[in-house]
Amino acid sequence: MPTVLRLDGLRVVIYPADHRPAHVHVIGAEGEAVFVLNCPDGPPHLRESYGFSRHGELRILKELAAHLSVLCPKWSEIHGDF
């Protein structure tokens, strides 16, 4: 389970044996959430969340949108097409 990005104590993970569409799992002390990236241009959106507050989810969305230029190529590197 490669961590592809760290955001203020959160791990952003792309699982090697995962499915499309391109998405990431964000794991932290509060819980875990899955965000669909909508590569290559976004915007990402929340698919499911367990434990994060709405404020936390919105903060993560903003950070993921700012890092699409890293996350989308990383998804392609691991899985091929978006």
PDB file of N, CA and C in Angstrom:
ATOM      1  N   MET A   1       0.843  -1.166   0.000  1.00  0.00           N
ATOM      2  CA  MET A   1       0.000   0.000   0.000  1.00  0.00           C
ATOM      3  C   MET A   1       0.885   1.224   0.000  1.00  0.00           C
ATOM      4  N   PRO A   2       1.253   1.708  -1.169  1.00  0.00           N
ATOM      5  CA  PRO A   2       2.170   2.835  -1.246  1.00  0.00           C
ATOM      6  C   PRO A   2       1.525   4.154  -0.828  1.00  0.00           C
ATOM      7  N   THR A   3       2.176   4.818   0.094  1.00  0.00           N
ATOM      8  CA  THR A   3       1.785   6.177   0.449  1.00  0.00           C
ATOM      9  C   THR A   3       2.371   7.087  -0.623  1.00  0.00           C
ATOM     10  N   VAL A   4       1.509   7.807  -1.326  1.00  0.00           N
ATOM     11  CA  VAL A   4       1.974   8.635  -2.435  1.00  0.00           C
ATOM     12  C   VAL A   4       2.072  10.112  -2.055  1.00  0.00           C
ATOM     13  N   LEU A   5       1.498  10.469  -0.892  1.00  0.00           N
ATOM     14  CA  LEU A   5       1.515  11.860  -0.453  1.00  0.00           C
ATOM     15  C   LEU A   5       1.182  11.889   1.028  1.00  0.00           C
ATOM     16  N   ARG A   6       1.747  12.860   1.724  1.00  0.00           N
ATOM     17  CA  ARG A   6       1.400  13.095   3.132  1.00  0.00           C
ATOM     18  C   ARG A   6       0.880  14.516   3.262  1.00  0.00           C
ATOM     19  N   LEU A   7      -0.241  14.653   3.988  1.00  0.00           N
ATOM     20  CA  LEU A   7      -0.880  15.954   4.187  1.00  0.00           C
ATOM     21  C   LEU A   7      -1.145  16.146   5.674  1.00  0.00           C
ATOM     22  N   ASP A   8      -0.353  16.936   6.336  1.00  0.00           N
ATOM     23  CA  ASP A   8      -0.594  17.273   7.748  1.00  0.00           C
ATOM     24  C   ASP A   8      -0.977  16.059   8.591  1.00  0.00           C
ATOM     25  N   GLY A   9      -0.156  15.034   8.579  1.00  0.00           N
ATOM     26  CA  GLY A   9      -0.413  13.844   9.383  1.00  0.00           C
ATOM     27  C   GLY A   9      -1.323  12.819   8.735  1.00  0.00           C
ATOM     28  N   LEU A  10      -1.786  13.073   7.537  1.00  0.00           N
ATOM     29  CA  LEU A  10      -2.628  12.125   6.805  1.00  0.00           C
ATOM     30  C   LEU A  10      -1.791  11.432   5.738  1.00  0.00           C
ATOM     31  N   ARG A  11      -2.096  10.161   5.509  1.00  0.00           N
ATOM     32  CA  ARG A  11      -1.442   9.429   4.421  1.00  0.00           C
ATOM     33  C   ARG A  11      -2.413   9.319   3.253  1.00  0.00           C
ATOM     34  N   VAL A  12      -1.939   9.630   2.067  1.00  0.00           N
ATOM     35  CA  VAL A  12      -2.723   9.467   0.851  1.00  0.00           C
ATOM     36  C   VAL A  12      -2.166   8.235   0.151  1.00  0.00           C
ATOM     37  N   VAL A  13      -3.033   7.237  -0.031  1.00  0.00           N
ATOM     38  CA  VAL A  13      -2.604   5.910  -0.468  1.00  0.00           C
ATOM     39  C   VAL A  13      -3.321   5.521  -1.762  1.00  0.00           C
ATOM     40  N   ILE A  14      -2.581   4.886  -2.663  1.00  0.00           N
ATOM     41  CA  ILE A  14      -3.155   4.220  -3.838  1.00  0.00           C
ATOM     42  C   ILE A  14      -2.813   2.740  -3.704  1.00  0.00           C
ATOM     43  N   TYR A  15      -3.839   1.907  -3.598  1.00  0.00           N
ATOM     44  CA  TYR A  15      -3.622   0.459  -3.474  1.00  0.00           C
ATOM     45  C   TYR A  15      -3.282  -0.137  -4.840  1.00  0.00           C
ATOM     46  N   PRO A  16      -2.242  -0.968  -4.919  1.00  0.00           N
ATOM     47  CA  PRO A  16      -1.819  -1.534  -6.204  1.00  0.00           C
ATOM     48  C   PRO A  16      -2.858  -2.425  -6.873  1.00  0.00           C
ATOM     49  N   ALA A  17      -3.676  -3.132  -6.120  1.00  0.00           N
ATOM     50  CA  ALA A  17      -4.645  -4.056  -6.712  1.00  0.00           C
ATOM     51  C   ALA A  17      -6.053  -3.463  -6.708  1.00  0.00           C
ATOM     52  N   ASP A  18      -6.157  -2.156  -6.777  1.00  0.00           N
ATOM     53  CA  ASP A  18      -7.452  -1.480  -6.683  1.00  0.00           C
ATOM     54  C   ASP A  18      -8.083  -1.330  -8.059  1.00  0.00           C
ATOM     55  N   HIS A  19      -9.251  -0.765  -8.114  1.00  0.00           N
ATOM     56  CA  HIS A  19     -10.078  -0.657  -9.316  1.00  0.00           C
ATOM     57  C   HIS A  19     -10.195   0.794  -9.771  1.00  0.00           C
ATOM     58  N   ARG A  20     -10.672   0.980 -10.987  1.00  0.00           N
ATOM     59  CA  ARG A  20     -10.979   2.310 -11.504  1.00  0.00           C
ATOM     60  C   ARG A  20     -12.346   2.718 -11.004  1.00  0.00           C
ATOM     61  N   PRO A  21     -12.691   3.979 -10.990  1.00  0.00           N
ATOM     62  CA  PRO A  21     -11.942   5.117 -11.482  1.00  0.00           C
ATOM     63  C   PRO A  21     -10.794   5.481 -10.550  1.00  0.00           C
ATOM     64  N   ALA A  22      -9.909   6.335 -11.048  1.00  0.00           N
ATOM     65  CA  ALA A  22      -8.748   6.768 -10.262  1.00  0.00           C
ATOM     66  C   ALA A  22      -9.225   7.384  -8.957  1.00  0.00           C
ATOM     67  N   HIS A  23      -8.705   6.872  -7.853  1.00  0.00           N
ATOM     68  CA  HIS A  23      -9.093   7.365  -6.536  1.00  0.00           C
ATOM     69  C   HIS A  23      -7.972   7.135  -5.538  1.00  0.00           C
ATOM     70  N   VAL A  24      -8.076   7.804  -4.402  1.00  0.00           N
ATOM     71  CA  VAL A  24      -7.108   7.635  -3.325  1.00  0.00           C
ATOM     72  C   VAL A  24      -7.843   7.375  -2.023  1.00  0.00           C
ATOM     73  N   HIS A  25      -7.152   6.701  -1.122  1.00  0.00           N
ATOM     74  CA  HIS A  25      -7.624   6.493   0.240  1.00  0.00           C
ATOM     75  C   HIS A  25      -6.812   7.440   1.115  1.00  0.00           C
ATOM     76  N   VAL A  26      -7.489   8.207   1.943  1.00  0.00           N
ATOM     77  CA  VAL A  26      -6.822   9.127   2.856  1.00  0.00           C
ATOM     78  C   VAL A  26      -7.025   8.579   4.266  1.00  0.00           C
ATOM     79  N   ILE A  27      -5.907   8.310   4.945  1.00  0.00           N
ATOM     80  CA  ILE A  27      -5.936   7.643   6.239  1.00  0.00           C
ATOM     81  C   ILE A  27      -5.288   8.533   7.286  1.00  0.00           C
ATOM     82  N   GLY A  28      -5.979   8.712   8.399  1.00  0.00           N
ATOM     83  CA  GLY A  28      -5.447   9.520   9.488  1.00  0.00           C
ATOM     84  C   GLY A  28      -6.012   9.054  10.812  1.00  0.00           C
ATOM     85  N   ALA A  29      -5.660   9.735  11.873  1.00  0.00           N
ATOM     86  CA  ALA A  29      -6.117   9.363  13.209  1.00  0.00           C
ATOM     87  C   ALA A  29      -7.640   9.446  13.338  1.00  0.00           C
ATOM     88  N   GLU A  30      -8.258  10.364  12.581  1.00  0.00           N
ATOM     89  CA  GLU A  30      -9.708  10.532  12.647  1.00  0.00           C
ATOM     90  C   GLU A  30     -10.468   9.426  11.935  1.00  0.00           C
ATOM     91  N   GLY A  31      -9.870   8.836  10.903  1.00  0.00           N
ATOM     92  CA  GLY A  31     -10.571   7.818  10.140  1.00  0.00           C
ATOM     93  C   GLY A  31      -9.968   7.616   8.778  1.00  0.00           C
ATOM     94  N   GLU A  32     -10.820   7.201   7.851  1.00  0.00           N
ATOM     95  CA  GLU A  32     -10.394   6.948   6.474  1.00  0.00           C
ATOM     96  C   GLU A  32     -11.478   7.451   5.533  1.00  0.00           C
ATOM     97  N   ALA A  33     -11.052   7.957   4.387  1.00  0.00           N
ATOM     98  CA  ALA A  33     -11.989   8.420   3.362  1.00  0.00           C
ATOM     99  C   ALA A  33     -11.443   8.062   1.993  1.00  0.00           C
ATOM    100  N   VAL A  34     -12.355   7.936   1.041  1.00  0.00           N
ATOM    101  CA  VAL A  34     -11.988   7.640  -0.340  1.00  0.00           C
ATOM    102  C   VAL A  34     -12.451   8.801  -1.206  1.00  0.00           C
ATOM    103  N   PHE A  35     -11.530   9.302  -2.026  1.00  0.00           N
ATOM    104  CA  PHE A  35     -11.814  10.425  -2.911  1.00  0.00           C
ATOM    105  C   PHE A  35     -11.537  10.012  -4.340  1.00  0.00           C
ATOM    106  N   VAL A  36     -12.520  10.199  -5.231  1.00  0.00           N
ATOM    107  CA  VAL A  36     -12.335   9.981  -6.661  1.00  0.00           C
ATOM    108  C   VAL A  36     -11.631  11.213  -7.212  1.00  0.00           C
ATOM    109  N   LEU A  37     -10.564  11.002  -7.975  1.00  0.00           N
ATOM    110  CA  LEU A  37      -9.725  12.110  -8.431  1.00  0.00           C
ATOM    111  C   LEU A  37     -10.259  12.835  -9.665  1.00  0.00           C
ATOM    112  N   ASN A  38     -11.040  12.147 -10.501  1.00  0.00           N
ATOM    113  CA  ASN A  38     -11.504  12.729 -11.770  1.00  0.00           C
ATOM    114  C   ASN A  38     -10.330  13.233 -12.604  1.00  0.00           C
ATOM    115  N   CYS A  39      -9.345  12.374 -12.768  1.00  0.00           N
ATOM    116  CA  CYS A  39      -8.146  12.706 -13.537  1.00  0.00           C
ATOM    117  C   CYS A  39      -8.490  12.918 -14.998  1.00  0.00           C
ATOM    118  N   PRO A  40      -7.740  13.752 -15.654  1.00  0.00           N
ATOM    119  CA  PRO A  40      -6.546  14.431 -15.171  1.00  0.00           C
ATOM    120  C   PRO A  40      -6.801  15.811 -14.575  1.00  0.00           C
ATOM    121  N   ASP A  41      -8.001  16.366 -14.766  1.00  0.00           N
ATOM    122  CA  ASP A  41      -8.220  17.762 -14.407  1.00  0.00           C
ATOM    123  C   ASP A  41      -9.051  18.001 -13.150  1.00  0.00           C
ATOM    124  N   GLY A  42      -9.633  16.929 -12.568  1.00  0.00           N
ATOM    125  CA  GLY A  42     -10.442  17.106 -11.380  1.00  0.00           C
ATOM    126  C   GLY A  42     -11.777  17.749 -11.710  1.00  0.00           C
ATOM    127  N   PRO A  43     -12.454  18.241 -10.730  1.00  0.00           N
ATOM    128  CA  PRO A  43     -12.055  18.259  -9.326  1.00  0.00           C
ATOM    129  C   PRO A  43     -12.336  16.917  -8.661  1.00  0.00           C
ATOM    130  N   PRO A  44     -11.565  16.600  -7.621  1.00  0.00           N
ATOM    131  CA  PRO A  44     -11.843  15.377  -6.877  1.00  0.00           C
ATOM    132  C   PRO A  44     -13.164  15.504  -6.123  1.00  0.00           C
ATOM    133  N   HIS A  45     -13.769  14.358  -5.816  1.00  0.00           N
ATOM    134  CA  HIS A  45     -14.969  14.380  -4.972  1.00  0.00           C
ATOM    135  C   HIS A  45     -14.928  13.226  -3.979  1.00  0.00           C
ATOM    136  N   LEU A  46     -15.621  13.410  -2.902  1.00  0.00           N
ATOM    137  CA  LEU A  46     -15.675  12.423  -1.837  1.00  0.00           C
ATOM    138  C   LEU A  46     -16.591  11.277  -2.239  1.00  0.00           C
ATOM    139  N   ARG A  47     -16.100  10.038  -2.127  1.00  0.00           N
ATOM    140  CA  ARG A  47     -16.933   8.864  -2.381  1.00  0.00           C
ATOM    141  C   ARG A  47     -17.487   8.300  -1.085  1.00  0.00           C
ATOM    142  N   GLU A  48     -16.626   8.202  -0.070  1.00  0.00           N
ATOM    143  CA  GLU A  48     -17.079   7.705   1.234  1.00  0.00           C
ATOM    144  C   GLU A  48     -16.110   8.149   2.315  1.00  0.00           C
ATOM    145  N   SER A  49     -16.635   8.282   3.529  1.00  0.00           N
ATOM    146  CA  SER A  49     -15.817   8.760   4.634  1.00  0.00           C
ATOM    147  C   SER A  49     -16.264   8.106   5.930  1.00  0.00           C
ATOM    148  N   TYR A  50     -15.294   7.718   6.726  1.00  0.00           N
ATOM    149  CA  TYR A  50     -15.551   7.095   8.032  1.00  0.00           C
ATOM    150  C   TYR A  50     -14.702   7.804   9.081  1.00  0.00           C
ATOM    151  N   GLY A  51     -15.333   8.690   9.845  1.00  0.00           N
ATOM    152  CA  GLY A  51     -14.644   9.312  10.961  1.00  0.00           C
ATOM    153  C   GLY A  51     -14.217  10.748  10.776  1.00  0.00           C
ATOM    154  N   PHE A  52     -14.034  11.209   9.548  1.00  0.00           N
ATOM    155  CA  PHE A  52     -13.632  12.593   9.339  1.00  0.00           C
ATOM    156  C   PHE A  52     -14.835  13.517   9.497  1.00  0.00           C
ATOM    157  N   SER A  53     -14.604  14.694  10.047  1.00  0.00           N
ATOM    158  CA  SER A  53     -15.651  15.713  10.127  1.00  0.00           C
ATOM    159  C   SER A  53     -15.873  16.294   8.733  1.00  0.00           C
ATOM    160  N   ARG A  54     -16.969  16.983   8.548  1.00  0.00           N
ATOM    161  CA  ARG A  54     -17.228  17.628   7.250  1.00  0.00           C
ATOM    162  C   ARG A  54     -16.138  18.665   6.956  1.00  0.00           C
ATOM    163  N   HIS A  55     -15.730  19.383   7.973  1.00  0.00           N
ATOM    164  CA  HIS A  55     -14.643  20.356   7.816  1.00  0.00           C
ATOM    165  C   HIS A  55     -13.356  19.658   7.370  1.00  0.00           C
ATOM    166  N   GLY A  56     -13.060  18.514   7.981  1.00  0.00           N
ATOM    167  CA  GLY A  56     -11.875  17.745   7.607  1.00  0.00           C
ATOM    168  C   GLY A  56     -11.950  17.250   6.173  1.00  0.00           C
ATOM    169  N   GLU A  57     -13.133  16.789   5.770  1.00  0.00           N
ATOM    170  CA  GLU A  57     -13.312  16.314   4.396  1.00  0.00           C
ATOM    171  C   GLU A  57     -13.079  17.442   3.388  1.00  0.00           C
ATOM    172  N   LEU A  58     -13.614  18.613   3.684  1.00  0.00           N
ATOM    173  CA  LEU A  58     -13.441  19.758   2.776  1.00  0.00           C
ATOM    174  C   LEU A  58     -11.985  20.189   2.695  1.00  0.00           C
ATOM    175  N   ARG A  59     -11.297  20.146   3.824  1.00  0.00           N
ATOM    176  CA  ARG A  59      -9.865  20.492   3.842  1.00  0.00           C
ATOM    177  C   ARG A  59      -9.076  19.512   2.978  1.00  0.00           C
ATOM    178  N   ILE A  60      -9.392  18.223   3.104  1.00  0.00           N
ATOM    179  CA  ILE A  60      -8.705  17.197   2.314  1.00  0.00           C
ATOM    180  C   ILE A  60      -8.995  17.402   0.823  1.00  0.00           C
ATOM    181  N   LEU A  61     -10.256  17.664   0.475  1.00  0.00           N
ATOM    182  CA  LEU A  61     -10.604  17.908  -0.934  1.00  0.00           C
ATOM    183  C   LEU A  61      -9.770  19.037  -1.523  1.00  0.00           C
ATOM    184  N   LYS A  62      -9.633  20.111  -0.779  1.00  0.00           N
ATOM    185  CA  LYS A  62      -8.854  21.260  -1.251  1.00  0.00           C
ATOM    186  C   LYS A  62      -7.392  20.871  -1.475  1.00  0.00           C
ATOM    187  N   GLU A  63      -6.834  20.106  -0.547  1.00  0.00           N
ATOM    188  CA  GLU A  63      -5.437  19.665  -0.673  1.00  0.00           C
ATOM    189  C   GLU A  63      -5.260  18.716  -1.855  1.00  0.00           C
ATOM    190  N   LEU A  64      -6.193  17.774  -2.018  1.00  0.00           N
ATOM    191  CA  LEU A  64      -6.086  16.834  -3.133  1.00  0.00           C
ATOM    192  C   LEU A  64      -6.171  17.563  -4.471  1.00  0.00           C
ATOM    193  N   ALA A  65      -7.069  18.549  -4.572  1.00  0.00           N
ATOM    194  CA  ALA A  65      -7.194  19.323  -5.812  1.00  0.00           C
ATOM    195  C   ALA A  65      -5.883  20.024  -6.147  1.00  0.00           C
ATOM    196  N   ALA A  66      -5.200  20.501  -5.130  1.00  0.00           N
ATOM    197  CA  ALA A  66      -3.925  21.194  -5.336  1.00  0.00           C
ATOM    198  C   ALA A  66      -2.803  20.240  -5.737  1.00  0.00           C
ATOM    199  N   HIS A  67      -3.000  18.934  -5.509  1.00  0.00           N
ATOM    200  CA  HIS A  67      -1.945  17.950  -5.794  1.00  0.00           C
ATOM    201  C   HIS A  67      -2.307  16.978  -6.927  1.00  0.00           C
ATOM    202  N   LEU A  68      -3.323  17.305  -7.729  1.00  0.00           N
ATOM    203  CA  LEU A  68      -3.700  16.414  -8.840  1.00  0.00           C
ATOM    204  C   LEU A  68      -2.553  16.169  -9.801  1.00  0.00           C
ATOM    205  N   SER A  69      -1.693  17.147  -9.972  1.00  0.00           N
ATOM    206  CA  SER A  69      -0.576  16.996 -10.914  1.00  0.00           C
ATOM    207  C   SER A  69       0.420  15.938 -10.450  1.00  0.00           C
ATOM    208  N   VAL A  70       0.364  15.567  -9.187  1.00  0.00           N
ATOM    209  CA  VAL A  70       1.191  14.486  -8.644  1.00  0.00           C
ATOM    210  C   VAL A  70       0.382  13.192  -8.575  1.00  0.00           C
ATOM    211  N   LEU A  71      -0.853  13.292  -8.121  1.00  0.00           N
ATOM    212  CA  LEU A  71      -1.665  12.099  -7.861  1.00  0.00           C
ATOM    213  C   LEU A  71      -2.104  11.380  -9.138  1.00  0.00           C
ATOM    214  N   CYS A  72      -2.520  12.117 -10.147  1.00  0.00           N
ATOM    215  CA  CYS A  72      -2.983  11.464 -11.381  1.00  0.00           C
ATOM    216  C   CYS A  72      -1.855  10.702 -12.092  1.00  0.00           C
ATOM    217  N   PRO A  73      -0.669  11.282 -12.259  1.00  0.00           N
ATOM    218  CA  PRO A  73       0.421  10.504 -12.849  1.00  0.00           C
ATOM    219  C   PRO A  73       0.805   9.293 -11.999  1.00  0.00           C
ATOM    220  N   LYS A  74       0.705   9.420 -10.683  1.00  0.00           N
ATOM    221  CA  LYS A  74       1.033   8.289  -9.812  1.00  0.00           C
ATOM    222  C   LYS A  74       0.019   7.168 -10.006  1.00  0.00           C
ATOM    223  N   TRP A  75      -1.278   7.521 -10.131  1.00  0.00           N
ATOM    224  CA  TRP A  75      -2.301   6.502 -10.403  1.00  0.00           C
ATOM    225  C   TRP A  75      -1.962   5.798 -11.726  1.00  0.00           C
ATOM    226  N   SER A  76      -1.628   6.573 -12.759  1.00  0.00           N
ATOM    227  CA  SER A  76      -1.285   5.995 -14.068  1.00  0.00           C
ATOM    228  C   SER A  76      -0.060   5.101 -13.982  1.00  0.00           C
ATOM    229  N   GLU A  77       0.907   5.501 -13.209  1.00  0.00           N
ATOM    230  CA  GLU A  77       2.117   4.692 -13.034  1.00  0.00           C
ATOM    231  C   GLU A  77       1.778   3.330 -12.429  1.00  0.00           C
ATOM    232  N   ILE A  78       0.844   3.306 -11.491  1.00  0.00           N
ATOM    233  CA  ILE A  78       0.485   2.045 -10.803  1.00  0.00           C
ATOM    234  C   ILE A  78      -0.534   1.237 -11.588  1.00  0.00           C
ATOM    235  N   HIS A  79      -1.533   1.924 -12.218  1.00  0.00           N
ATOM    236  CA  HIS A  79      -2.686   1.227 -12.821  1.00  0.00           C
ATOM    237  C   HIS A  79      -2.852   1.404 -14.319  1.00  0.00           C
ATOM    238  N   GLY A  80      -2.120   2.291 -14.929  1.00  0.00           N
ATOM    239  CA  GLY A  80      -2.361   2.574 -16.333  1.00  0.00           C
ATOM    240  C   GLY A  80      -3.383   3.686 -16.465  1.00  0.00           C
ATOM    241  N   ASP A  81      -4.342   3.510 -17.363  1.00  0.00           N
ATOM    242  CA  ASP A  81      -5.351   4.554 -17.618  1.00  0.00           C
ATOM    243  C   ASP A  81      -6.124   4.923 -16.366  1.00  0.00           C
ATOM    244  N   PHE A  82      -6.721   6.123 -16.424  1.00  0.00           N
ATOM    245  CA  PHE A  82      -7.521   6.614 -15.318  1.00  0.00           C
ATOM    246  C   PHE A  82      -8.821   5.865 -15.247  1.00  0.00           C
TER     247      PHE A  82
END
